[in-house]
Structure formats: structure tokens, C-alpha cells
Amino acid sequence: MILLIFALGTLLGILAGGGLCVRYLRREIAADIGPQLRRIQSELDLIEATLNFALVSRYTEVGTGPARATVLPPPRASDD
């Protein structure tokens, strides 16, 4: 009977210790990756803003550029 109580106590101790270890590791991992994620998000926002600016500039340049005349080929003489 004493051996059974000792085994049950050991198993409960291992379970509680593992739970605390997992909780601690999850908190540390989340705290460590947070600043990196914010830095990556700010870099992505900067790339997106630069790309949008380039597209708007290009569309404006194309829209306000001088109109090019379309040169049509001379009409062919009919063989009639």
C-alpha cells in the first residue's frame, strides 16, 4: 500500500512539474518572439508603402504623359 501511495505521489509530481515547465517555456517563447514579430511587421508595412507609392507614381506618370499619335499605315490600292 505504501508503495502505491509513493508511486501515485511520484506520478502527480511529474505531472505538476511538467505542467509548470510547459507553462514557463510557453511564456518565455512568446515574450522572446514578440519584438521580432513587431519588427518584421514594420518592415512589411514599409515595403507595402513603398510599393504603393511606386505604383501610384507610375500610374500618374502614364496617365499624364504626352499622348502618342497612332500612325496608321497608308491605305492599299484596291485591285479592282
Protein backbone atom coordinates (compact mmCIF):
# COMPACT_ATOMS: atom_id res chain seq x y z
CA MET A 1 0.00 0.00 0.00
CA ILE A 2 2.83 2.38 0.85
CA LEU A 3 4.46 1.62 -2.48
CA LEU A 4 1.22 2.52 -4.28
CA ILE A 5 0.98 5.88 -2.46
CA PHE A 6 4.64 6.59 -3.27
CA ALA A 7 4.08 5.77 -6.96
CA LEU A 8 0.94 7.93 -7.10
CA GLY A 9 2.79 10.85 -5.47
CA THR A 10 5.65 10.47 -7.92
CA LEU A 11 3.32 10.48 -10.90
CA LEU A 12 1.43 13.54 -9.62
CA GLY A 13 4.73 15.33 -9.01
CA ILE A 14 5.94 14.58 -12.53
CA LEU A 15 2.63 15.76 -13.97
CA ALA A 16 2.65 19.01 -11.97
CA GLY A 17 6.33 19.66 -12.77
CA GLY A 18 5.77 19.06 -16.46
CA GLY A 19 2.77 21.41 -16.46
CA LEU A 20 4.76 24.18 -14.79
CA CYS A 21 7.68 23.64 -17.15
CA VAL A 22 5.45 23.86 -20.23
CA ARG A 23 3.74 26.99 -18.87
CA TYR A 24 7.10 28.66 -18.20
CA LEU A 25 8.52 27.73 -21.61
CA ARG A 26 5.42 28.97 -23.46
CA ARG A 27 5.61 32.32 -21.64
CA GLU A 28 9.32 32.73 -22.39
CA ILE A 29 8.97 31.79 -26.04
CA ALA A 30 6.06 34.19 -26.52
CA ALA A 31 7.91 37.02 -24.78
CA ASP A 32 11.03 36.45 -26.87
CA ILE A 33 9.34 36.35 -30.26
CA GLY A 34 7.06 39.37 -29.73
CA PRO A 35 9.62 42.12 -30.52
CA GLN A 36 10.85 40.23 -33.58
CA LEU A 37 7.32 39.92 -34.92
CA ARG A 38 6.73 43.66 -34.44
CA ARG A 39 9.99 44.46 -36.28
CA ILE A 40 9.09 42.15 -39.17
CA GLN A 41 5.59 43.67 -39.36
CA SER A 42 7.02 47.20 -39.51
CA GLU A 43 9.40 46.14 -42.32
CA LEU A 44 6.49 44.61 -44.25
CA ASP A 45 4.47 47.80 -43.78
CA LEU A 46 7.39 49.84 -45.12
CA ILE A 47 7.71 47.58 -48.18
CA GLU A 48 3.96 47.82 -48.80
CA ALA A 49 4.01 51.63 -48.55
CA THR A 50 6.98 51.87 -50.91
CA LEU A 51 5.31 49.57 -53.43
CA ASN A 52 2.05 51.54 -53.27
CA PHE A 53 3.96 54.80 -53.79
CA ALA A 54 5.79 53.36 -56.80
CA LEU A 55 2.54 52.10 -58.34
CA VAL A 56 0.73 55.39 -57.82
CA SER A 57 3.68 57.30 -59.26
CA ARG A 58 3.79 55.03 -62.30
CA TYR A 59 0.03 55.28 -62.91
CA THR A 60 0.23 59.05 -62.61
CA GLU A 61 3.17 59.19 -65.00
CA VAL A 62 1.40 57.00 -67.54
CA GLY A 63 -1.87 58.90 -67.19
CA THR A 64 -0.39 62.40 -67.62
CA GLY A 65 2.22 61.59 -70.27
CA PRO A 66 2.04 63.10 -73.75
CA ALA A 67 -0.49 61.47 -75.99
CA ARG A 68 1.23 59.47 -78.67
CA ALA A 69 -0.25 59.68 -82.12
CA THR A 70 -1.13 56.39 -83.64
CA VAL A 71 0.36 56.11 -87.08
CA LEU A 72 -1.86 54.16 -89.42
CA PRO A 73 -0.41 52.51 -92.49
CA PRO A 74 -1.42 54.08 -95.80
CA PRO A 75 -4.46 52.51 -97.41
CA ARG A 76 -3.73 49.85 -100.02
CA ALA A 77 -4.79 50.31 -103.57
CA SER A 78 -7.58 48.00 -104.44
CA ASP A 79 -7.07 45.56 -107.28
CA ASP A 80 -10.49 46.23 -108.76
